Amino acid sequence: MSNTNKPGKVFLVGAGPGAADLITVRGANLLAKADIVFHDALVDTAMLELCPQAIKEPVGKRCGKLSSVQHFINKRLIDAAQKYQVIVRLKGGDPMMFGRADEEIQALKKHQIEVEVVPGITAALAGAATIQKSLTLRGLSRSVAFVTLAQGTENLGCNGGQQQPIQNPQADTLVYYMGRKDASNIAKQLIENNSPHTSETPVHILEAVSTQNERHWSSSLGQLADGKANDWFDSASPALIMVGEALREKHSINQTADLQSSSAKFDDGLQDSVIFPDSRRCG
């Protein structure tokens, strides 16, 4: 405990997508010296072994289960800063991605409590790494949208009562967080509204990304719309839905062929240039 009158500092730390060894070095170092850690429900228990000296307080939110109300979490962080010097708020993924970081930051700043954000690997990037498919692809996908259907409004349930899928996200690759219950509706809406995505657009669904329980379902948007994945989902695992042509298997092969057949000529003359100290170049 602190013996000074100065409030402690709160660190919003990204725990990463799931696996304990995917937390950043900075995040792990902060856990090792934290006085108290407020952690999300999905944080791997192995990650909490990085802070044996700290008091550990679960404050996670899970769909359909008893969860901590956000304003209560804010108050607990503020109160903790009056007692301890190093307070870690450990959030799944990245704190700034669907993690309510802004609400916690503003509450802390309102009480003149210093706060720092330590980024983490968000699930979309970990998912792309798992299936070894880039979310962007030269000549095909130049934009990515991260989407959630959850309103996050207290006492309205995980989908906010009457919440409907977002209208026509404008991106080449779409990644839906927390979209399990609306998976088929998401697909139907994308197909029916003449978006760039059709019934043949590739879809990948990943559950429990980067953990030992990770599972992968891949097919097309049409199959997803028909409910083919409905019985596949595990309600106990977080799911990520990825949609886009960049995720199609054959593109890597086609691009290699295109490069090999290219008639473009390259000027190798510069390799014989002389480089002067003042950066002037002479052929």
Protein backbone atom coordinates (compact mmCIF):
# COMPACT_ATOMS: atom_id res chain seq x y z
CA MET A 1 0.00 0.00 0.00
CA SER A 2 1.05 3.58 -0.56
CA ASN A 3 2.10 5.78 2.32
CA THR A 4 1.84 8.97 0.29
CA ASN A 5 -1.10 11.23 -0.38
CA LYS A 6 -0.53 11.18 -4.11
CA PRO A 7 -2.94 8.89 -5.99
CA GLY A 8 -1.47 5.90 -7.74
CA LYS A 9 -1.28 5.46 -11.49
CA VAL A 10 -3.70 3.29 -13.44
CA PHE A 11 -2.49 1.32 -16.44
CA LEU A 12 -5.02 0.04 -18.99
CA VAL A 13 -3.16 -2.98 -20.31
CA GLY A 14 -4.10 -5.03 -23.36
CA ALA A 15 -3.92 -8.74 -22.52
CA GLY A 16 -3.93 -9.73 -26.20
CA PRO A 17 -6.20 -12.24 -27.95
CA GLY A 18 -6.01 -15.04 -25.40
CA ALA A 19 -2.67 -16.84 -25.15
CA ALA A 20 -0.70 -15.73 -22.11
CA ASP A 21 2.55 -15.34 -24.04
CA LEU A 22 1.01 -12.87 -26.50
CA ILE A 23 0.88 -10.04 -23.97
CA THR A 24 3.44 -7.32 -24.67
CA VAL A 25 6.70 -7.15 -22.71
CA ARG A 26 5.59 -3.82 -21.24
CA GLY A 27 2.29 -5.32 -20.15
CA ALA A 28 4.01 -8.30 -18.52
CA ASN A 29 6.43 -6.00 -16.70
CA LEU A 30 3.57 -3.94 -15.31
CA LEU A 31 1.79 -7.05 -14.09
CA ALA A 32 4.97 -8.10 -12.29
CA LYS A 33 4.98 -4.92 -10.22
CA ALA A 34 1.26 -4.22 -9.88
CA ASP A 35 -0.29 -3.79 -6.45
CA ILE A 36 -3.75 -4.73 -7.70
CA VAL A 37 -5.08 -6.09 -11.00
CA PHE A 38 -8.66 -5.70 -12.23
CA HIS A 39 -9.05 -8.26 -15.02
CA ASP A 40 -11.61 -9.20 -17.67
CA ALA A 41 -13.45 -12.53 -17.59
CA LEU A 42 -11.67 -13.89 -20.67
CA VAL A 43 -8.13 -13.25 -19.45
CA ASP A 44 -6.16 -16.50 -19.37
CA THR A 45 -5.52 -17.67 -15.80
CA ALA A 46 -1.92 -18.36 -16.86
CA MET A 47 -1.51 -14.63 -17.46
CA LEU A 48 -2.50 -13.90 -13.87
CA GLU A 49 0.46 -16.00 -12.80
CA LEU A 50 2.59 -13.10 -14.01
CA CYS A 51 1.41 -11.07 -11.02
CA PRO A 52 1.59 -13.38 -7.95
CA GLN A 53 2.22 -10.40 -5.67
CA ALA A 54 -0.91 -8.52 -6.73
CA ILE A 55 -4.47 -8.52 -5.47
CA LYS A 56 -6.61 -9.89 -8.30
CA GLU A 57 -10.14 -8.61 -8.84
CA PRO A 58 -12.37 -10.02 -11.62
CA VAL A 59 -14.50 -7.34 -13.28
CA GLY A 60 -15.39 -9.02 -16.55
CA LYS A 61 -18.51 -8.83 -18.68
CA ARG A 62 -19.93 -12.00 -20.26
CA CYS A 63 -23.09 -12.36 -22.31
CA GLY A 64 -25.92 -13.91 -20.31
CA LYS A 65 -23.91 -14.04 -17.11
CA LEU A 66 -23.59 -11.91 -14.01
CA SER A 67 -21.28 -9.04 -14.97
CA SER A 68 -19.74 -5.93 -13.47
CA VAL A 69 -21.54 -2.70 -14.30
CA GLN A 70 -19.20 -0.19 -15.96
CA HIS A 71 -19.72 2.71 -13.57
CA PHE A 72 -18.95 0.33 -10.69
CA ILE A 73 -15.68 -0.67 -12.38
CA ASN A 74 -14.83 3.01 -12.79
CA LYS A 75 -15.43 3.62 -9.09
CA ARG A 76 -13.30 0.66 -8.08
CA LEU A 77 -10.40 1.97 -10.16
CA ILE A 78 -10.73 5.41 -8.60
CA ASP A 79 -10.87 3.96 -5.09
CA ALA A 80 -7.88 1.71 -5.77
CA ALA A 81 -5.80 4.70 -6.86
CA GLN A 82 -6.25 6.17 -3.37
CA LYS A 83 -4.71 3.05 -1.78
CA TYR A 84 -2.17 1.67 -4.24
CA GLN A 85 0.57 3.05 -6.46
CA VAL A 86 0.41 0.68 -9.44
CA ILE A 87 -3.06 -0.33 -10.57
CA VAL A 88 -3.48 -2.50 -13.67
CA ARG A 89 -6.78 -2.76 -15.54
CA LEU A 90 -6.15 -5.86 -17.66
CA LYS A 91 -8.38 -5.92 -20.74
CA GLY A 92 -8.75 -8.64 -23.35
CA GLY A 93 -7.31 -7.80 -26.76
CA ASP A 94 -6.49 -4.11 -27.08
CA PRO A 95 -7.93 -1.62 -24.56
CA MET A 96 -8.94 0.80 -27.31
CA MET A 97 -10.92 -1.76 -29.35
CA PHE A 98 -14.46 -2.32 -28.01
CA GLY A 99 -13.07 -2.20 -24.48
CA ARG A 100 -14.77 0.87 -22.98
CA ALA A 101 -11.37 2.39 -22.35
CA ASP A 102 -12.66 5.90 -22.97
CA GLU A 103 -15.18 5.66 -20.12
CA GLU A 104 -12.52 4.53 -17.69
CA ILE A 105 -9.99 7.11 -18.88
CA GLN A 106 -12.46 9.97 -18.52
CA ALA A 107 -13.58 8.83 -15.06
CA LEU A 108 -9.97 8.64 -13.86
CA LYS A 109 -9.00 11.99 -15.36
CA LYS A 110 -12.01 13.60 -13.74
CA HIS A 111 -10.47 12.65 -10.39
CA GLN A 112 -6.98 13.80 -11.43
CA ILE A 113 -5.67 10.24 -11.52
CA GLU A 114 -2.84 9.55 -13.93
CA VAL A 115 -3.61 6.89 -16.53
CA GLU A 116 -1.58 5.20 -19.25
CA VAL A 117 -2.71 2.84 -22.00
CA VAL A 118 -0.57 -0.15 -22.98
CA PRO A 119 -1.76 -1.61 -26.31
CA GLY A 120 -2.36 -5.29 -26.95
CA ILE A 121 -2.90 -7.54 -29.95
CA THR A 122 -6.54 -7.37 -30.95
CA ALA A 123 -8.36 -10.58 -31.92
CA ALA A 124 -8.73 -9.60 -35.60
CA LEU A 125 -4.97 -9.48 -36.10
CA ALA A 126 -4.43 -12.68 -34.16
CA GLY A 127 -7.14 -14.34 -36.25
CA ALA A 128 -5.47 -13.26 -39.48
CA ALA A 129 -2.20 -14.69 -38.20
CA THR A 130 -3.88 -17.99 -37.30
CA ILE A 131 -5.31 -18.59 -40.78
CA GLN A 132 -2.26 -16.94 -42.37
CA LYS A 133 -4.40 -14.60 -44.44
CA SER A 134 -3.73 -10.89 -44.61
CA LEU A 135 -6.73 -8.64 -43.99
CA THR A 136 -5.44 -6.45 -46.81
CA LEU A 137 -4.21 -7.65 -50.17
CA ARG A 138 -2.48 -5.68 -52.88
CA GLY A 139 -4.84 -4.93 -55.74
CA LEU A 140 -7.85 -6.41 -53.96
CA SER A 141 -8.38 -5.19 -50.39
CA ARG A 142 -7.27 -1.77 -49.22
CA SER A 143 -9.61 -1.28 -46.27
CA VAL A 144 -10.66 -3.17 -43.14
CA ALA A 145 -13.62 -2.51 -40.83
CA PHE A 146 -13.81 -3.77 -37.26
CA VAL A 147 -17.48 -4.09 -36.36
CA THR A 148 -19.48 -5.00 -33.26
CA LEU A 149 -23.25 -5.33 -32.96
CA ALA A 150 -23.24 -5.06 -29.18
CA GLN A 151 -24.45 -1.70 -27.90
CA GLY A 152 -22.90 -2.21 -24.49
CA THR A 153 -25.86 -0.45 -22.88
CA GLU A 154 -26.30 -1.62 -19.29
CA ASN A 155 -29.25 -3.89 -18.53
CA LEU A 156 -30.24 -4.40 -22.17
CA GLY A 157 -28.48 -7.73 -22.70
CA CYS A 158 -25.61 -8.45 -25.05
CA ASN A 159 -27.37 -7.33 -28.22
CA GLY A 160 -29.09 -4.31 -26.75
CA GLY A 161 -32.66 -5.56 -27.10
CA GLN A 162 -33.67 -4.30 -30.54
CA GLN A 163 -30.14 -3.82 -31.86
CA GLN A 164 -29.84 -4.70 -35.55
CA PRO A 165 -26.73 -5.46 -37.65
CA ILE A 166 -24.90 -2.32 -38.73
CA GLN A 167 -25.90 -1.04 -42.15
CA ASN A 168 -23.48 -1.77 -44.99
CA PRO A 169 -19.99 -1.41 -43.49
CA GLN A 170 -17.87 0.22 -46.18
CA ALA A 171 -14.70 -1.85 -46.30
CA ASP A 172 -13.15 -4.60 -48.42
CA THR A 173 -12.58 -6.86 -45.42
CA LEU A 174 -15.00 -7.00 -42.49
CA VAL A 175 -14.24 -8.38 -39.04
CA TYR A 176 -17.18 -8.79 -36.67
CA TYR A 177 -16.53 -9.00 -32.95
CA MET A 178 -19.18 -10.49 -30.65
CA GLY A 179 -21.40 -11.40 -33.60
CA ARG A 180 -22.16 -15.06 -32.88
CA LYS A 181 -25.91 -14.64 -32.24
CA ASP A 182 -26.33 -12.49 -35.35
CA ALA A 183 -24.03 -14.42 -37.69
CA SER A 184 -26.67 -15.53 -40.22
CA ASN A 185 -28.37 -12.12 -40.16
CA ILE A 186 -25.07 -10.38 -40.82
CA ALA A 187 -24.53 -12.57 -43.89
CA LYS A 188 -28.07 -12.13 -45.19
CA GLN A 189 -27.90 -8.36 -44.89
CA LEU A 190 -24.56 -8.13 -46.68
CA ILE A 191 -25.87 -10.26 -49.56
CA GLU A 192 -29.30 -8.62 -49.86
CA ASN A 193 -28.11 -5.02 -49.71
CA ASN A 194 -25.86 -5.23 -52.76
CA SER A 195 -22.70 -4.73 -50.79
CA PRO A 196 -19.37 -5.64 -52.45
CA HIS A 197 -19.75 -9.00 -50.71
CA THR A 198 -21.78 -11.74 -52.36
CA SER A 199 -22.96 -15.22 -51.43
CA GLU A 200 -19.60 -16.51 -52.73
CA THR A 201 -17.46 -14.23 -50.56
CA PRO A 202 -15.18 -16.23 -48.24
CA VAL A 203 -15.96 -16.34 -44.52
CA HIS A 204 -13.76 -17.50 -41.67
CA ILE A 205 -15.01 -17.86 -38.11
CA LEU A 206 -12.55 -18.33 -35.28
CA GLU A 207 -13.36 -19.14 -31.68
CA ALA A 208 -11.01 -18.69 -28.72
CA VAL A 209 -8.30 -17.27 -30.98
CA SER A 210 -4.72 -18.16 -30.04
CA THR A 211 -5.72 -20.46 -27.17
CA GLN A 212 -5.60 -24.25 -26.89
CA ASN A 213 -9.37 -24.27 -27.44
CA GLU A 214 -9.19 -22.42 -30.75
CA ARG A 215 -11.53 -23.66 -33.51
CA HIS A 216 -11.92 -22.61 -37.14
CA TRP A 217 -14.90 -22.71 -39.53
CA SER A 218 -14.52 -21.59 -43.12
CA SER A 219 -17.02 -21.40 -45.96
CA SER A 220 -18.92 -18.72 -47.88
CA LEU A 221 -21.22 -15.86 -46.97
CA GLY A 222 -24.12 -17.77 -48.53
CA GLN A 223 -23.50 -20.78 -46.32
CA LEU A 224 -23.34 -18.53 -43.26
CA ALA A 225 -26.62 -16.88 -44.29
CA ASP A 226 -28.23 -20.32 -44.55
CA GLY A 227 -27.34 -20.99 -40.93
CA LYS A 228 -24.72 -23.65 -41.66
CA ALA A 229 -22.55 -22.40 -38.79
CA ASN A 230 -25.35 -22.04 -36.24
CA ASP A 231 -24.85 -25.46 -34.67
CA TRP A 232 -21.07 -25.19 -34.90
CA PHE A 233 -20.72 -22.27 -32.49
CA ASP A 234 -19.74 -22.87 -28.87
CA SER A 235 -21.65 -20.37 -26.73
CA ALA A 236 -18.89 -20.48 -24.10
CA SER A 237 -16.20 -19.18 -26.47
CA PRO A 238 -15.72 -15.71 -27.98
CA ALA A 239 -16.14 -15.78 -31.76
CA LEU A 240 -14.69 -13.66 -34.54
CA ILE A 241 -16.33 -13.50 -37.99
CA MET A 242 -14.08 -12.48 -40.88
CA VAL A 243 -15.50 -11.68 -44.33
CA GLY A 244 -13.75 -10.67 -47.55
CA GLU A 245 -12.14 -11.68 -50.83
CA ALA A 246 -8.67 -11.20 -49.34
CA LEU A 247 -9.37 -14.34 -47.30
CA ARG A 248 -9.86 -16.57 -50.33
CA GLU A 249 -7.34 -19.41 -50.56
CA LYS A 250 -6.42 -19.08 -54.24
CA HIS A 251 -5.26 -15.45 -54.20
CA SER A 252 -1.74 -16.17 -53.00
CA ILE A 253 -1.31 -18.62 -55.90
CA ASN A 254 -2.73 -16.22 -58.48
CA GLN A 255 -0.64 -13.32 -57.31
CA THR A 256 2.55 -15.38 -57.59
CA ALA A 257 1.60 -16.38 -61.13
CA ASP A 258 0.84 -12.76 -62.03
CA LEU A 259 4.23 -11.63 -60.78
CA GLN A 260 6.06 -14.36 -62.69
CA SER A 261 4.24 -13.55 -65.94
CA SER A 262 4.68 -9.81 -65.63
CA SER A 263 6.34 -8.13 -68.62
CA ALA A 264 7.49 -5.14 -66.57
CA LYS A 265 11.13 -4.16 -67.13
CA PHE A 266 13.32 -3.09 -64.26
CA ASP A 267 16.23 -0.69 -64.59
CA ASP A 268 19.21 -2.15 -62.74
CA GLY A 269 21.42 0.76 -63.61
CA LEU A 270 21.19 2.34 -60.17
CA GLN A 271 23.06 -0.53 -58.62
CA ASP A 272 26.20 0.76 -60.35
CA SER A 273 25.74 4.29 -59.03
CA VAL A 274 28.23 6.04 -56.80
CA ILE A 275 26.85 7.41 -53.52
CA PHE A 276 28.52 10.58 -52.24
CA PRO A 277 28.60 11.55 -48.52
CA ASP A 278 26.27 14.50 -49.07
CA SER A 279 23.65 12.14 -50.54
CA ARG A 280 24.26 13.20 -54.16
CA ARG A 281 24.02 10.31 -56.61
CA CYS A 282 26.14 9.91 -59.70
CA GLY A 283 25.65 7.18 -62.29
